[in-house]
Amino acid sequence: MIAQFANRPVLRIAFVHLLSKKRQTLVAMLGVMFGITVFIFQAGLITGLQTFMLDKIVNNSPHVHLYNEPDKNPPSILSKIYHESDQMVVVRNQKQKEIDKKIRNPKGIMDLISKLPGVLGVAPNVATQAIVKAGVKQIPVTISGVEIDKEDALFNLHKDQIAGDLKRLNIISNGIILGKGVADKLGASIDDVITVATTLSTVDMKVVSITSTGITAIDDNRAMVNLRIAQKLMNKDKLYITDINMKLKDVDKADAMSEDLTKLFGLRAQSWKEANANVFSVFKIQNIATYLVITSILIVAGFGIFNILMMMIYEKMTDIAVLKSIGYKNRDIRNIFMVEAVVIGFVGGVLGLMHGWLASYVASKIEVKLAGLVTLDHLTINFDPMFYAAGFAFALCTTALAGYFPALKASKIDPVEIIRGH
C-alpha cells in the first residue's frame, strides 16, 4: 500500500520539488520544529511548576476554612438609637470595640459538618500572632493550636516532616512544630528550647518537629502547638476555637460548599481557590504569555513556508504549464503544493516533538536551587501527552493554511501564457 501511495504522480512530483530545493525545505522544517520545540518545553515547564504549586496548595491548605469574621465597619451605639431619616449622628475618633473571634458551639458545628456528604475530614484550630525567640533572634509567626492527629490526617504533615516526630506533640505538653524557614531563621533544631511570646503570655517550648512543604509562605510562618497550649497562650478556656478547617473528597466543590456553610452557620467560609486567588491570577498571566509567544513563533514559521512555496511556484512556472498541457487539472496542481506544505509541517512537527521532549527531559534532570514563592531542587516538567498532540496538530494546521494560498495560486496559472512567454 505504501508503494502504491509513493508511486502516485502528484506525490512524486511534490517530493521532487522538495528535494530539488533542499536548503529552502530544510529551513521551513526547522522553523516548524523550533516552534513546536519551544511550545512543548514552555508549556511543560510553566504547567509543571503550576501543577507542583497547586498540589502543594491543595495538600497543605484547607479546602474550606470556616471562621468568625468581625464587621470591618460596625455601626456605633448612637446610630442604633438615632436612626431616623431626619437625624444625623457624628462620632469622632470612635474607638473600635475588640471583637471576639470565637466560634460559638464549635463541637456541634464540626459534628454536623463531618456528616455532610463529600466531607473527608474536619479539624479545629486556634490561631494567634506571636513572636518566637531563640537567643537574640526573634521573628513574628502565626501560632496554630491543633489536634495533631486530625491535622496530620487532613494535611499529611508526616510527608513534609524533615526532622523530629510530629506525634511528640501529644506527649510533650510544651512542644512546638516549626516550618523549615522559621527554624533556619532562628537557628533552631530538634529539642532546642525557644520562647513563644504573645500579648498575654510568654512560654518556653521545645522543638519536636521541623517540616518543609516547598512553599515559602508556609515554611516561613508555620508554628504549630497543641490546641490546649494555644488556648492557654491566649488565656482562653478549652472550648475556645477560632477556625474550623475542612478537607473535601472533591476539591472542585469547595466554592459551592463555602456558600452553603455561610448560609447555614452565618460564619465566613473561604474556599482554597478564594484564599489563593492571587496565585491563580499569576498562573493566568503566565499561560496567556506562553500561548502568545508560541502562536507568534508558529505564525512566523507559517509565513516562511508561504514564502518558500511562492518562490517554488515562480521557479516552477514552466513545469506547471507542462503538467497542465499534458492533462493535469487545477485540482492536481493545487494538491501538489498542498502535499509539499503538509510534508514540511509533518516532518517539522515530528522533529519538534522529539526535540521538545528531549529538551524537557534534560531540563528536568538539571539540579537547580530555586527559592522564592516555591523552593525546588529540580525543575518540575509536565509531560502531558495533550501538549504533544496539540503541538503536532497546530503544526499541521499552520503549514496547511500557509500552503493553501500558494497552492491555489499555482492551480490558476494559465499554461498558454507561460509557454508564449518562453
Protein backbone atom coordinates (compact mmCIF):
# COMPACT_ATOMS: atom_id res chain seq x y z
CA MET A 1 0.00 0.00 0.00
CA ILE A 2 2.89 2.34 0.83
CA ALA A 3 4.50 1.59 -2.52
CA GLN A 4 1.26 2.40 -4.34
CA PHE A 5 0.97 5.63 -2.36
CA ALA A 6 4.55 6.65 -3.23
CA ASN A 7 4.02 5.89 -6.95
CA ARG A 8 1.19 8.38 -7.32
CA PRO A 9 2.37 11.10 -9.78
CA VAL A 10 1.16 14.01 -7.63
CA LEU A 11 3.14 12.77 -4.62
CA ARG A 12 6.24 12.02 -6.68
CA ILE A 13 6.23 15.50 -8.21
CA ALA A 14 5.75 17.09 -4.76
CA PHE A 15 8.73 15.18 -3.33
CA VAL A 16 10.88 16.08 -6.36
CA HIS A 17 10.10 19.77 -5.76
CA LEU A 18 11.02 19.49 -2.07
CA LEU A 19 14.26 17.61 -2.74
CA SER A 20 15.30 19.94 -5.54
CA LYS A 21 15.33 22.83 -3.05
CA LYS A 22 16.88 21.07 -0.09
CA ARG A 23 18.05 24.22 1.70
CA GLN A 24 14.68 26.00 1.46
CA THR A 25 12.82 22.86 2.53
CA LEU A 26 15.16 22.35 5.47
CA VAL A 27 14.76 25.96 6.63
CA ALA A 28 10.97 25.63 6.53
CA MET A 29 11.07 22.37 8.50
CA LEU A 30 13.43 23.87 11.08
CA GLY A 31 11.06 26.81 11.54
CA VAL A 32 8.19 24.45 12.36
CA MET A 33 10.46 22.30 14.52
CA PHE A 34 11.64 25.30 16.54
CA GLY A 35 8.07 26.47 17.15
CA ILE A 36 6.89 23.06 18.37
CA THR A 37 10.02 22.56 20.50
CA VAL A 38 9.53 25.88 22.26
CA PHE A 39 5.79 25.19 22.69
CA ILE A 40 6.33 21.79 24.33
CA PHE A 41 9.18 22.98 26.54
CA GLN A 42 7.49 26.17 27.72
CA ALA A 43 4.09 24.56 28.21
CA GLY A 44 5.67 21.67 30.12
CA LEU A 45 7.77 24.00 32.28
CA ILE A 46 5.02 26.51 33.11
CA THR A 47 2.29 23.95 33.77
CA GLY A 48 4.75 21.72 35.62
CA LEU A 49 5.50 24.49 38.10
CA GLN A 50 1.81 25.32 38.33
CA THR A 51 0.88 21.68 38.97
CA PHE A 52 3.57 21.45 41.66
CA MET A 53 2.26 24.57 43.38
CA LEU A 54 -1.39 23.51 43.09
CA ASP A 55 -0.55 20.11 44.55
CA LYS A 56 1.22 21.75 47.47
CA ILE A 57 -1.58 24.28 48.00
CA VAL A 58 -4.30 21.62 47.89
CA ASN A 59 -2.40 19.28 50.25
CA ASN A 60 -1.32 21.95 52.74
CA SER A 61 -4.37 24.21 52.81
CA PRO A 62 -7.92 23.57 54.00
CA HIS A 63 -10.31 23.12 51.12
CA VAL A 64 -12.77 25.19 53.13
CA HIS A 65 -11.78 27.47 56.02
CA LEU A 66 -14.59 28.42 58.42
CA TYR A 67 -14.06 31.35 60.80
CA ASN A 68 -15.80 34.24 62.51
CA GLU A 69 -15.08 37.45 60.60
CA PRO A 70 -15.92 40.63 62.53
CA ASP A 71 -17.65 43.52 60.79
CA LYS A 72 -14.98 45.88 59.46
CA ASN A 73 -17.26 48.91 59.89
CA PRO A 74 -19.58 48.17 62.82
CA PRO A 75 -22.33 50.74 63.47
CA SER A 76 -21.92 52.96 66.53
CA ILE A 77 -24.26 52.68 69.51
CA LEU A 78 -25.62 56.18 68.84
CA SER A 79 -26.57 55.26 65.27
CA LYS A 80 -28.65 52.42 66.65
CA ILE A 81 -30.51 54.86 68.90
CA TYR A 82 -30.87 57.76 66.46
CA HIS A 83 -31.75 56.13 63.17
CA GLU A 84 -34.47 58.41 61.86
CA SER A 85 -34.01 59.78 58.33
CA ASP A 86 -34.07 63.41 59.54
CA GLN A 87 -31.34 62.83 62.14
CA MET A 88 -27.58 62.88 61.64
CA VAL A 89 -25.15 61.25 64.02
CA VAL A 90 -21.45 62.25 64.03
CA VAL A 91 -18.97 60.38 66.23
CA ARG A 92 -15.36 61.47 66.08
CA ASN A 93 -12.42 59.22 66.97
CA GLN A 94 -14.68 56.27 67.60
CA LYS A 95 -12.76 53.50 69.32
CA GLN A 96 -13.36 50.09 67.83
CA LYS A 97 -14.62 47.50 70.25
CA GLU A 98 -12.43 44.42 70.35
CA ILE A 99 -14.38 41.64 68.66
CA ASP A 100 -14.04 38.10 69.95
CA LYS A 101 -13.23 35.75 67.05
CA LYS A 102 -14.51 32.74 68.95
CA ILE A 103 -16.79 30.36 67.07
CA ARG A 104 -19.89 29.56 69.09
CA ASN A 105 -20.60 25.85 69.65
CA PRO A 106 -17.62 24.64 67.56
CA LYS A 107 -18.08 20.97 68.55
CA GLY A 108 -21.69 20.94 67.36
CA ILE A 109 -20.71 22.64 64.09
CA MET A 110 -17.88 20.18 63.45
CA ASP A 111 -20.12 17.19 64.21
CA LEU A 112 -22.68 18.48 61.73
CA ILE A 113 -20.08 19.26 59.05
CA SER A 114 -18.44 15.83 59.37
CA LYS A 115 -21.79 14.22 58.49
CA LEU A 116 -22.24 16.25 55.30
CA PRO A 117 -21.77 14.33 52.01
CA GLY A 118 -18.45 14.94 50.34
CA VAL A 119 -16.61 15.92 53.54
CA LEU A 120 -13.39 13.97 54.06
CA GLY A 121 -12.47 15.40 57.45
CA VAL A 122 -12.68 18.38 59.77
CA ALA A 123 -10.27 19.77 62.37
CA PRO A 124 -10.38 22.63 64.91
CA ASN A 125 -7.77 25.36 65.04
CA VAL A 126 -6.84 28.30 67.25
CA ALA A 127 -4.72 30.97 65.55
CA THR A 128 -2.93 33.91 67.13
CA GLN A 129 0.00 36.17 66.34
CA ALA A 130 3.18 35.65 68.35
CA ILE A 131 6.92 36.29 68.48
CA VAL A 132 9.26 33.29 68.62
CA LYS A 133 12.72 33.84 70.10
CA ALA A 134 15.93 31.84 70.16
CA GLY A 135 18.82 33.67 71.78
CA VAL A 136 18.95 37.14 70.27
CA LYS A 137 16.98 36.10 67.18
CA GLN A 138 13.25 36.68 67.05
CA ILE A 139 10.67 36.59 64.27
CA PRO A 140 6.88 37.05 64.04
CA VAL A 141 4.77 33.96 63.25
CA THR A 142 1.19 32.77 63.38
CA ILE A 143 0.79 30.21 66.15
CA SER A 144 -1.69 27.48 65.25
CA GLY A 145 -3.17 25.38 68.01
CA VAL A 146 -4.09 21.98 66.56
CA GLU A 147 -5.07 18.44 67.38
CA ILE A 148 -2.07 16.90 65.68
CA ASP A 149 -3.69 13.56 64.79
CA LYS A 150 -6.58 15.24 62.98
CA GLU A 151 -4.26 17.81 61.40
CA ASP A 152 -1.95 15.08 60.09
CA ALA A 153 -4.91 13.08 58.73
CA LEU A 154 -6.15 16.12 56.83
CA PHE A 155 -2.88 17.64 55.60
CA ASN A 156 -0.44 14.69 55.57
CA LEU A 157 2.07 16.60 57.69
CA HIS A 158 4.22 13.49 58.09
CA LYS A 159 5.09 13.67 54.37
CA ASP A 160 6.59 17.13 54.85
CA GLN A 161 8.49 16.24 58.02
CA ILE A 162 12.26 16.52 57.63
CA ALA A 163 13.30 16.18 61.29
CA GLY A 164 11.83 15.04 64.60
CA ASP A 165 8.46 13.41 65.21
CA LEU A 166 5.06 15.05 64.90
CA LYS A 167 3.47 12.65 67.39
CA ARG A 168 5.65 14.02 70.21
CA LEU A 169 3.26 16.96 70.27
CA ASN A 170 0.81 14.62 72.07
CA ILE A 171 3.45 13.64 74.63
CA ILE A 172 5.33 16.88 75.28
CA SER A 173 2.84 19.45 76.52
CA ASN A 174 5.02 22.41 75.55
CA GLY A 175 6.17 21.00 72.20
CA ILE A 176 6.17 23.05 69.00
CA ILE A 177 6.42 22.20 65.29
CA LEU A 178 8.29 24.71 63.12
CA GLY A 179 8.41 25.29 59.39
CA LYS A 180 11.88 24.98 57.85
CA GLY A 181 12.05 28.71 57.13
CA VAL A 182 11.25 29.59 60.76
CA ALA A 183 13.76 27.04 62.09
CA ASP A 184 16.50 28.29 59.76
CA LYS A 185 15.96 31.93 60.73
CA LEU A 186 16.07 31.05 64.42
CA GLY A 187 18.93 28.59 64.01
CA ALA A 188 16.77 26.07 65.88
CA SER A 189 17.00 22.28 65.68
CA ILE A 190 15.20 19.35 67.27
CA ASP A 191 14.90 19.50 71.10
CA ASP A 192 16.03 23.13 71.21
CA VAL A 193 14.04 25.32 73.57
CA ILE A 194 12.62 28.54 72.14
CA THR A 195 10.45 31.26 73.64
CA VAL A 196 6.95 31.99 72.34
CA ALA A 197 5.53 35.37 73.34
CA THR A 198 2.02 36.67 72.77
CA THR A 199 0.45 39.89 74.04
CA LEU A 200 -0.90 37.96 77.03
CA SER A 201 1.78 35.43 77.99
CA THR A 202 5.27 34.03 77.38
CA VAL A 203 6.11 30.31 77.32
CA ASP A 204 9.28 28.28 76.71
CA MET A 205 8.68 25.48 74.19
CA LYS A 206 10.68 22.54 72.85
CA VAL A 207 11.04 21.94 69.10
CA VAL A 208 9.69 18.44 68.39
CA SER A 209 9.48 18.51 64.59
CA ILE A 210 10.52 20.55 61.54
CA THR A 211 8.54 20.42 58.27
CA SER A 212 9.19 21.62 54.75
CA THR A 213 6.37 21.97 52.19
CA GLY A 214 8.38 23.69 49.46
CA ILE A 215 6.07 26.73 49.62
CA THR A 216 8.00 29.60 51.15
CA ALA A 217 4.94 31.40 52.53
CA ILE A 218 4.05 28.34 54.64
CA ASP A 219 7.57 27.30 55.67
CA ASP A 220 8.46 30.84 56.78
CA ASN A 221 5.38 31.18 59.01
CA ARG A 222 4.49 27.72 60.31
CA ALA A 223 4.45 27.23 64.08
CA MET A 224 2.11 24.56 65.48
CA VAL A 225 1.43 23.76 69.11
CA ASN A 226 -1.05 21.61 70.98
CA LEU A 227 -4.58 23.05 70.88
CA ARG A 228 -4.79 23.46 74.66
CA ILE A 229 -1.40 25.23 74.80
CA ALA A 230 -2.59 27.76 72.20
CA GLN A 231 -5.72 28.39 74.25
CA LYS A 232 -3.60 28.99 77.35
CA LEU A 233 -1.34 31.38 75.44
CA MET A 234 -4.47 33.43 74.76
CA ASN A 235 -5.86 32.97 78.31
CA LYS A 236 -8.90 31.20 76.91
CA ASP A 237 -10.86 28.14 78.01
CA LYS A 238 -10.71 24.75 76.29
CA LEU A 239 -13.87 25.49 74.26
CA TYR A 240 -12.25 28.47 72.54
CA ILE A 241 -11.92 27.78 68.77
CA THR A 242 -11.23 30.45 66.12
CA ASP A 243 -11.08 28.34 62.96
CA ILE A 244 -12.51 25.12 61.55
CA ASN A 245 -10.62 23.55 58.64
CA MET A 246 -12.15 21.06 56.21
CA LYS A 247 -11.00 18.65 53.56
CA LEU A 248 -13.34 17.54 50.77
CA LYS A 249 -13.36 14.45 48.59
CA ASP A 250 -13.74 16.68 45.52
CA VAL A 251 -11.70 19.90 45.77
CA ASP A 252 -13.66 21.46 42.90
CA LYS A 253 -16.77 21.58 45.09
CA ALA A 254 -15.12 23.88 47.65
CA ASP A 255 -16.77 27.07 46.35
CA ALA A 256 -20.26 25.57 46.49
CA MET A 257 -19.60 24.14 49.95
CA SER A 258 -18.38 27.54 51.17
CA GLU A 259 -21.61 29.22 50.09
CA ASP A 260 -23.72 26.54 51.77
CA LEU A 261 -21.82 26.75 55.07
CA THR A 262 -22.02 30.54 55.16
CA LYS A 263 -25.80 30.36 54.82
CA LEU A 264 -26.07 27.51 57.33
CA PHE A 265 -23.93 28.88 60.17
CA GLY A 266 -23.62 32.60 59.42
CA LEU A 267 -19.81 32.31 59.57
CA ARG A 268 -17.26 33.31 56.95
CA ALA A 269 -16.39 30.31 54.76
CA GLN A 270 -13.43 30.67 52.42
CA SER A 271 -12.53 28.11 49.75
CA TRP A 272 -8.94 27.25 48.88
CA LYS A 273 -9.40 28.89 45.46
CA GLU A 274 -10.53 32.15 47.03
CA ALA A 275 -7.69 32.07 49.56
CA ASN A 276 -5.13 31.67 46.75
CA ALA A 277 -6.76 33.94 44.16
CA ASN A 278 -3.51 35.93 43.73
CA VAL A 279 -1.65 32.73 42.76
CA PHE A 280 -4.26 31.82 40.16
CA SER A 281 -4.04 35.31 38.64
CA VAL A 282 -0.29 34.78 38.17
CA PHE A 283 -1.00 31.41 36.52
CA LYS A 284 -3.44 33.05 34.12
CA ILE A 285 -0.93 35.71 33.07
CA GLN A 286 1.77 33.05 32.57
CA ASN A 287 -0.49 30.95 30.36
CA ILE A 288 -1.55 33.91 28.23
CA ALA A 289 2.09 34.97 27.73
CA THR A 290 3.15 31.42 26.85
CA TYR A 291 0.45 30.87 24.25
CA LEU A 292 1.05 34.29 22.69
CA VAL A 293 4.77 33.56 22.28
CA ILE A 294 4.17 30.10 20.80
CA THR A 295 1.46 31.35 18.44
CA SER A 296 3.78 34.10 17.23
CA ILE A 297 6.58 31.61 16.55
CA LEU A 298 4.31 29.28 14.58
CA ILE A 299 2.82 32.18 12.60
CA VAL A 300 6.34 33.29 11.65
CA ALA A 301 7.11 29.71 10.61
CA GLY A 302 3.88 29.71 8.57
CA PHE A 303 4.94 32.86 6.73
CA GLY A 304 8.29 31.19 5.99
CA ILE A 305 6.51 28.23 4.42
CA PHE A 306 4.26 30.60 2.49
CA ASN A 307 7.25 32.47 1.04
CA ILE A 308 9.12 29.27 0.17
CA LEU A 309 6.13 27.79 -1.67
CA MET A 310 5.54 31.06 -3.52
CA MET A 311 9.18 31.05 -4.64
CA MET A 312 8.78 27.44 -5.79
CA ILE A 313 5.73 28.41 -7.84
CA TYR A 314 7.58 31.19 -9.64
CA GLU A 315 10.54 28.93 -10.28
CA LYS A 316 8.35 26.06 -11.47
CA MET A 317 6.11 28.07 -13.80
CA THR A 318 7.29 26.10 -16.83
CA ASP A 319 6.80 22.77 -15.02
CA ILE A 320 3.27 23.77 -14.06
CA ALA A 321 2.49 24.80 -17.64
CA VAL A 322 3.81 21.48 -18.97
CA LEU A 323 1.82 19.48 -16.42
CA LYS A 324 -1.37 21.31 -17.36
CA SER A 325 -0.71 20.89 -21.05
CA ILE A 326 -0.44 17.11 -20.68
CA GLY A 327 -3.74 16.83 -18.83
CA TYR A 328 -3.18 17.68 -15.15
CA LYS A 329 -6.18 19.51 -13.71
CA ASN A 330 -6.22 22.54 -11.41
CA ARG A 331 -7.03 20.21 -8.52
CA ASP A 332 -3.90 18.16 -9.21
CA ILE A 333 -1.64 21.23 -9.28
CA ARG A 334 -3.18 22.50 -6.05
CA ASN A 335 -2.69 19.11 -4.40
CA ILE A 336 1.00 19.04 -5.36
CA PHE A 337 1.77 22.19 -3.40
CA MET A 338 -0.57 21.25 -0.54
CA VAL A 339 1.32 17.97 -0.20
CA GLU A 340 4.58 19.91 -0.03
CA ALA A 341 3.22 22.13 2.77
CA VAL A 342 1.85 19.17 4.75
CA VAL A 343 5.11 17.23 4.38
CA ILE A 344 7.04 20.24 5.73
CA GLY A 345 4.60 20.51 8.63
CA PHE A 346 4.64 16.76 9.34
CA VAL A 347 8.42 16.35 9.34
CA GLY A 348 8.96 19.64 11.20
CA GLY A 349 6.27 18.63 13.71
CA VAL A 350 7.82 15.21 14.36
CA LEU A 351 11.27 16.77 14.82
CA GLY A 352 9.72 19.36 17.13
CA LEU A 353 8.08 16.66 19.26
CA MET A 354 11.38 14.80 19.59
CA HIS A 355 13.43 17.88 20.43
CA GLY A 356 10.70 19.24 22.74
CA TRP A 357 10.66 16.00 24.75
CA LEU A 358 14.47 15.87 24.81
CA ALA A 359 14.77 19.49 26.00
CA SER A 360 12.13 18.89 28.69
CA TYR A 361 13.80 15.69 29.87
CA VAL A 362 17.25 17.28 30.10
CA ALA A 363 15.81 20.30 31.96
CA SER A 364 14.04 18.04 34.47
CA LYS A 365 17.35 16.34 35.33
CA ILE A 366 19.38 19.51 35.85
CA GLU A 367 19.79 20.31 39.54
CA VAL A 368 18.66 23.81 40.39
CA LYS A 369 18.26 25.67 43.65
CA LEU A 370 15.21 27.88 43.32
CA ALA A 371 13.89 29.81 46.29
CA GLY A 372 11.10 32.33 46.18
CA LEU A 373 7.41 31.60 46.03
CA VAL A 374 8.37 27.91 45.99
CA THR A 375 11.56 26.00 46.79
CA LEU A 376 12.75 23.49 44.18
CA ASP A 377 15.79 21.24 43.79
CA HIS A 378 14.86 20.29 40.20
CA LEU A 379 12.58 21.85 37.63
CA THR A 380 9.17 20.21 37.57
CA ILE A 381 8.23 19.45 33.94
CA ASN A 382 4.77 18.37 32.81
CA PHE A 383 4.99 15.64 30.12
CA ASP A 384 1.26 15.71 29.39
CA PRO A 385 0.62 13.89 26.04
CA MET A 386 -2.01 16.53 25.23
CA PHE A 387 0.76 19.11 24.72
CA TYR A 388 2.42 16.88 22.13
CA ALA A 389 -0.86 16.14 20.35
CA ALA A 390 -1.87 19.82 20.35
CA GLY A 391 1.57 20.96 19.15
CA PHE A 392 1.62 18.45 16.29
CA ALA A 393 -1.94 19.29 15.24
CA PHE A 394 -1.16 23.00 15.33
CA ALA A 395 1.95 22.43 13.18
CA LEU A 396 -0.08 20.59 10.53
CA CYS A 397 -2.87 23.18 10.57
CA THR A 398 -0.45 26.12 10.35
CA THR A 399 1.55 24.66 7.48
CA ALA A 400 -1.58 23.52 5.61
CA LEU A 401 -3.05 27.02 5.88
CA ALA A 402 0.26 28.58 4.84
CA GLY A 403 0.42 26.31 1.81
CA TYR A 404 -3.21 26.68 0.71
CA PHE A 405 -2.94 30.14 -0.85
CA PRO A 406 0.25 29.44 -2.85
CA ALA A 407 -1.32 26.15 -3.99
CA LEU A 408 -4.48 27.96 -5.04
CA LYS A 409 -2.40 30.47 -7.00
CA ALA A 410 -0.48 27.68 -8.72
CA SER A 411 -3.70 25.97 -9.78
CA LYS A 412 -4.92 29.16 -11.53
CA ILE A 413 -1.83 29.65 -13.71
CA ASP A 414 -2.65 29.79 -17.44
CA PRO A 415 -0.23 27.41 -19.24
CA VAL A 416 -0.75 29.20 -22.63
CA GLU A 417 0.62 32.49 -21.28
CA ILE A 418 3.60 30.74 -19.71
CA ILE A 419 4.51 28.88 -22.90
CA ARG A 420 4.09 32.04 -25.01
CA GLY A 421 6.35 33.91 -22.62
CA HIS A 422 9.07 31.38 -23.33
